[in-house]
Amino acid sequence: MRIRVKDILDMLAGGATEAQILQDFPYLEREDIQAACEYAAQYVNHPVVTAGK
C-alpha cells in the first residue's frame, strides 16, 4: 500500500500524532513518517533571492 507524503503531512498538521497515524495505517512504520518530513524539508529548501536597493 502507498500513502502520499502530503497525506502524512496533512495528518501531522491537523494534530495527529505519529502513534495515531501508525494505528490508522498499520502498514506504515515510524521511519516512513520521518522520511515524509525529511522529504518535505528538502522540497521547500530553496535559496531566497532578494532584490537589491
PDB file of N, CA and C in Angstrom:
ATOM      1  N   MET A   1       0.841  -1.174   0.000  1.00  0.00           N
ATOM      2  CA  MET A   1       0.000   0.000   0.000  1.00  0.00           C
ATOM      3  C   MET A   1       0.888   1.240   0.000  1.00  0.00           C
ATOM      4  N   ARG A   2       0.361   2.285  -0.530  1.00  0.00           N
ATOM      5  CA  ARG A   2       1.088   3.539  -0.574  1.00  0.00           C
ATOM      6  C   ARG A   2       0.244   4.646   0.027  1.00  0.00           C
ATOM      7  N   ILE A   3       0.917   5.590   0.595  1.00  0.00           N
ATOM      8  CA  ILE A   3       0.265   6.791   1.090  1.00  0.00           C
ATOM      9  C   ILE A   3       1.144   7.966   0.672  1.00  0.00           C
ATOM     10  N   ARG A   4       0.522   9.054   0.249  1.00  0.00           N
ATOM     11  CA  ARG A   4       1.286  10.196  -0.238  1.00  0.00           C
ATOM     12  C   ARG A   4       1.936  10.950   0.922  1.00  0.00           C
ATOM     13  N   VAL A   5       3.075  11.564   0.621  1.00  0.00           N
ATOM     14  CA  VAL A   5       3.755  12.406   1.602  1.00  0.00           C
ATOM     15  C   VAL A   5       2.789  13.484   2.081  1.00  0.00           C
ATOM     16  N   LYS A   6       2.049  14.074   1.156  1.00  0.00           N
ATOM     17  CA  LYS A   6       1.091  15.123   1.504  1.00  0.00           C
ATOM     18  C   LYS A   6       0.071  14.635   2.524  1.00  0.00           C
ATOM     19  N   ASP A   7      -0.392  13.404   2.374  1.00  0.00           N
ATOM     20  CA  ASP A   7      -1.376  12.871   3.319  1.00  0.00           C
ATOM     21  C   ASP A   7      -0.795  12.783   4.727  1.00  0.00           C
ATOM     22  N   ILE A   8       0.446  12.324   4.820  1.00  0.00           N
ATOM     23  CA  ILE A   8       1.094  12.236   6.130  1.00  0.00           C
ATOM     24  C   ILE A   8       1.264  13.626   6.725  1.00  0.00           C
ATOM     25  N   LEU A   9       1.741  14.569   5.913  1.00  0.00           N
ATOM     26  CA  LEU A   9       1.933  15.929   6.401  1.00  0.00           C
ATOM     27  C   LEU A   9       0.610  16.571   6.803  1.00  0.00           C
ATOM     28  N   ASP A  10      -0.438  16.327   6.043  1.00  0.00           N
ATOM     29  CA  ASP A  10      -1.761  16.863   6.389  1.00  0.00           C
ATOM     30  C   ASP A  10      -2.236  16.321   7.732  1.00  0.00           C
ATOM     31  N   MET A  11      -2.012  15.039   7.965  1.00  0.00           N
ATOM     32  CA  MET A  11      -2.421  14.450   9.241  1.00  0.00           C
ATOM     33  C   MET A  11      -1.635  15.063  10.399  1.00  0.00           C
ATOM     34  N   LEU A  12      -0.322  15.208  10.217  1.00  0.00           N
ATOM     35  CA  LEU A  12       0.501  15.816  11.261  1.00  0.00           C
ATOM     36  C   LEU A  12       0.089  17.267  11.503  1.00  0.00           C
ATOM     37  N   ALA A  13      -0.141  18.010  10.416  1.00  0.00           N
ATOM     38  CA  ALA A  13      -0.555  19.408  10.541  1.00  0.00           C
ATOM     39  C   ALA A  13      -1.923  19.525  11.209  1.00  0.00           C
ATOM     40  N   GLY A  14      -2.745  18.520  11.025  1.00  0.00           N
ATOM     41  CA  GLY A  14      -4.068  18.510  11.632  1.00  0.00           C
ATOM     42  C   GLY A  14      -4.072  18.088  13.087  1.00  0.00           C
ATOM     43  N   GLY A  15      -2.882  17.770  13.611  1.00  0.00           N
ATOM     44  CA  GLY A  15      -2.793  17.428  15.034  1.00  0.00           C
ATOM     45  C   GLY A  15      -2.656  15.958  15.333  1.00  0.00           C
ATOM     46  N   ALA A  16      -2.636  15.116  14.320  1.00  0.00           N
ATOM     47  CA  ALA A  16      -2.481  13.670  14.562  1.00  0.00           C
ATOM     48  C   ALA A  16      -1.067  13.390  15.056  1.00  0.00           C
ATOM     49  N   THR A  17      -0.948  12.477  15.981  1.00  0.00           N
ATOM     50  CA  THR A  17       0.362  12.068  16.465  1.00  0.00           C
ATOM     51  C   THR A  17       0.883  10.930  15.600  1.00  0.00           C
ATOM     52  N   GLU A  18       2.179  10.676  15.719  1.00  0.00           N
ATOM     53  CA  GLU A  18       2.748   9.530  14.998  1.00  0.00           C
ATOM     54  C   GLU A  18       2.024   8.250  15.394  1.00  0.00           C
ATOM     55  N   ALA A  19       1.752   8.108  16.671  1.00  0.00           N
ATOM     56  CA  ALA A  19       1.080   6.893  17.167  1.00  0.00           C
ATOM     57  C   ALA A  19      -0.291   6.731  16.522  1.00  0.00           C
ATOM     58  N   GLN A  20      -1.035   7.828  16.381  1.00  0.00           N
ATOM     59  CA  GLN A  20      -2.363   7.757  15.763  1.00  0.00           C
ATOM     60  C   GLN A  20      -2.258   7.368  14.296  1.00  0.00           C
ATOM     61  N   ILE A  21      -1.300   7.951  13.596  1.00  0.00           N
ATOM     62  CA  ILE A  21      -1.118   7.630  12.185  1.00  0.00           C
ATOM     63  C   ILE A  21      -0.740   6.167  12.024  1.00  0.00           C
ATOM     64  N   LEU A  22       0.176   5.698  12.856  1.00  0.00           N
ATOM     65  CA  LEU A  22       0.602   4.295  12.771  1.00  0.00           C
ATOM     66  C   LEU A  22      -0.538   3.337  13.111  1.00  0.00           C
ATOM     67  N   GLN A  23      -1.410   3.753  14.002  1.00  0.00           N
ATOM     68  CA  GLN A  23      -2.563   2.909  14.343  1.00  0.00           C
ATOM     69  C   GLN A  23      -3.549   2.857  13.175  1.00  0.00           C
ATOM     70  N   ASP A  24      -3.774   4.003  12.529  1.00  0.00           N
ATOM     71  CA  ASP A  24      -4.719   4.065  11.410  1.00  0.00           C
ATOM     72  C   ASP A  24      -4.175   3.418  10.141  1.00  0.00           C
ATOM     73  N   PHE A  25      -2.845   3.415  10.011  1.00  0.00           N
ATOM     74  CA  PHE A  25      -2.193   2.858   8.823  1.00  0.00           C
ATOM     75  C   PHE A  25      -1.115   1.877   9.275  1.00  0.00           C
ATOM     76  N   PRO A  26      -1.519   0.670   9.657  1.00  0.00           N
ATOM     77  CA  PRO A  26      -0.585  -0.284  10.258  1.00  0.00           C
ATOM     78  C   PRO A  26       0.547  -0.734   9.331  1.00  0.00           C
ATOM     79  N   TYR A  27       0.426  -0.507   8.050  1.00  0.00           N
ATOM     80  CA  TYR A  27       1.498  -0.890   7.128  1.00  0.00           C
ATOM     81  C   TYR A  27       2.610   0.160   7.107  1.00  0.00           C
ATOM     82  N   LEU A  28       2.386   1.326   7.733  1.00  0.00           N
ATOM     83  CA  LEU A  28       3.430   2.339   7.843  1.00  0.00           C
ATOM     84  C   LEU A  28       4.318   2.052   9.044  1.00  0.00           C
ATOM     85  N   GLU A  29       5.525   2.562   8.987  1.00  0.00           N
ATOM     86  CA  GLU A  29       6.445   2.483  10.113  1.00  0.00           C
ATOM     87  C   GLU A  29       6.855   3.896  10.486  1.00  0.00           C
ATOM     88  N   ARG A  30       7.366   4.044  11.693  1.00  0.00           N
ATOM     89  CA  ARG A  30       7.794   5.359  12.164  1.00  0.00           C
ATOM     90  C   ARG A  30       8.777   6.001  11.180  1.00  0.00           C
ATOM     91  N   GLU A  31       9.637   5.197  10.624  1.00  0.00           N
ATOM     92  CA  GLU A  31      10.627   5.693   9.669  1.00  0.00           C
ATOM     93  C   GLU A  31       9.967   6.284   8.424  1.00  0.00           C
ATOM     94  N   ASP A  32       8.797   5.769   8.044  1.00  0.00           N
ATOM     95  CA  ASP A  32       8.076   6.308   6.892  1.00  0.00           C
ATOM     96  C   ASP A  32       7.614   7.736   7.168  1.00  0.00           C
ATOM     97  N   ILE A  33       7.149   7.989   8.382  1.00  0.00           N
ATOM     98  CA  ILE A  33       6.698   9.326   8.758  1.00  0.00           C
ATOM     99  C   ILE A  33       7.894  10.275   8.787  1.00  0.00           C
ATOM    100  N   GLN A  34       9.005   9.819   9.334  1.00  0.00           N
ATOM    101  CA  GLN A  34      10.214  10.629   9.368  1.00  0.00           C
ATOM    102  C   GLN A  34      10.690  10.931   7.952  1.00  0.00           C
ATOM    103  N   ALA A  35      10.648   9.945   7.084  1.00  0.00           N
ATOM    104  CA  ALA A  35      11.079  10.138   5.699  1.00  0.00           C
ATOM    105  C   ALA A  35      10.190  11.161   4.991  1.00  0.00           C
ATOM    106  N   ALA A  36       8.894  11.146   5.269  1.00  0.00           N
ATOM    107  CA  ALA A  36       7.978  12.117   4.666  1.00  0.00           C
ATOM    108  C   ALA A  36       8.339  13.529   5.114  1.00  0.00           C
ATOM    109  N   CYS A  37       8.661  13.688   6.392  1.00  0.00           N
ATOM    110  CA  CYS A  37       9.044  15.004   6.912  1.00  0.00           C
ATOM    111  C   CYS A  37      10.371  15.460   6.319  1.00  0.00           C
ATOM    112  N   GLU A  38      11.320  14.549   6.210  1.00  0.00           N
ATOM    113  CA  GLU A  38      12.615  14.884   5.624  1.00  0.00           C
ATOM    114  C   GLU A  38      12.462  15.275   4.152  1.00  0.00           C
ATOM    115  N   TYR A  39      11.626  14.546   3.430  1.00  0.00           N
ATOM    116  CA  TYR A  39      11.378  14.864   2.024  1.00  0.00           C
ATOM    117  C   TYR A  39      10.788  16.268   1.896  1.00  0.00           C
ATOM    118  N   ALA A  40       9.807  16.565   2.728  1.00  0.00           N
ATOM    119  CA  ALA A  40       9.162  17.878   2.678  1.00  0.00           C
ATOM    120  C   ALA A  40      10.155  18.982   3.009  1.00  0.00           C
ATOM    121  N   ALA A  41      11.015  18.751   3.986  1.00  0.00           N
ATOM    122  CA  ALA A  41      12.007  19.756   4.365  1.00  0.00           C
ATOM    123  C   ALA A  41      12.960  20.029   3.201  1.00  0.00           C
ATOM    124  N   GLN A  42      13.369  19.000   2.505  1.00  0.00           N
ATOM    125  CA  GLN A  42      14.254  19.182   1.349  1.00  0.00           C
ATOM    126  C   GLN A  42      13.524  19.847   0.192  1.00  0.00           C
ATOM    127  N   TYR A  43      12.256  19.526   0.027  1.00  0.00           N
ATOM    128  CA  TYR A  43      11.473  20.071  -1.074  1.00  0.00           C
ATOM    129  C   TYR A  43      11.317  21.586  -0.952  1.00  0.00           C
ATOM    130  N   VAL A  44      11.135  22.070   0.265  1.00  0.00           N
ATOM    131  CA  VAL A  44      10.918  23.505   0.461  1.00  0.00           C
ATOM    132  C   VAL A  44      12.223  24.243   0.735  1.00  0.00           C
ATOM    133  N   ASN A  45      13.332  23.547   0.736  1.00  0.00           N
ATOM    134  CA  ASN A  45      14.625  24.162   0.979  1.00  0.00           C
ATOM    135  C   ASN A  45      15.142  24.762  -0.336  1.00  0.00           C
ATOM    136  N   HIS A  46      14.983  26.064  -0.455  1.00  0.00           N
ATOM    137  CA  HIS A  46      15.439  26.743  -1.657  1.00  0.00           C
ATOM    138  C   HIS A  46      16.036  28.085  -1.265  1.00  0.00           C
ATOM    139  N   PRO A  47      16.928  28.596  -2.069  1.00  0.00           N
ATOM    140  CA  PRO A  47      17.515  29.899  -1.737  1.00  0.00           C
ATOM    141  C   PRO A  47      16.491  31.018  -1.856  1.00  0.00           C
ATOM    142  N   VAL A  48      16.660  32.000  -1.024  1.00  0.00           N
ATOM    143  CA  VAL A  48      15.793  33.184  -1.068  1.00  0.00           C
ATOM    144  C   VAL A  48      16.571  34.290  -1.776  1.00  0.00           C
ATOM    145  N   VAL A  49      15.989  34.798  -2.815  1.00  0.00           N
ATOM    146  CA  VAL A  49      16.620  35.865  -3.585  1.00  0.00           C
ATOM    147  C   VAL A  49      15.896  37.158  -3.254  1.00  0.00           C
ATOM    148  N   THR A  50      16.666  38.165  -2.861  1.00  0.00           N
ATOM    149  CA  THR A  50      16.068  39.463  -2.563  1.00  0.00           C
ATOM    150  C   THR A  50      16.605  40.490  -3.552  1.00  0.00           C
ATOM    151  N   ALA A  51      15.772  41.405  -3.892  1.00  0.00           N
ATOM    152  CA  ALA A  51      16.167  42.462  -4.835  1.00  0.00           C
ATOM    153  C   ALA A  51      17.003  43.495  -4.108  1.00  0.00           C
ATOM    154  N   GLY A  52      18.079  43.929  -4.719  1.00  0.00           N
ATOM    155  CA  GLY A  52      18.925  44.963  -4.130  1.00  0.00           C
ATOM    156  C   GLY A  52      18.277  46.331  -4.246  1.00  0.00           C
ATOM    157  N   LYS A  53      18.733  47.250  -3.399  1.00  0.00           N
ATOM    158  CA  LYS A  53      18.193  48.615  -3.442  1.00  0.00           C
ATOM    159  C   LYS A  53      18.910  49.463  -4.445  1.00  0.00           C
TER     160      LYS A  53
END
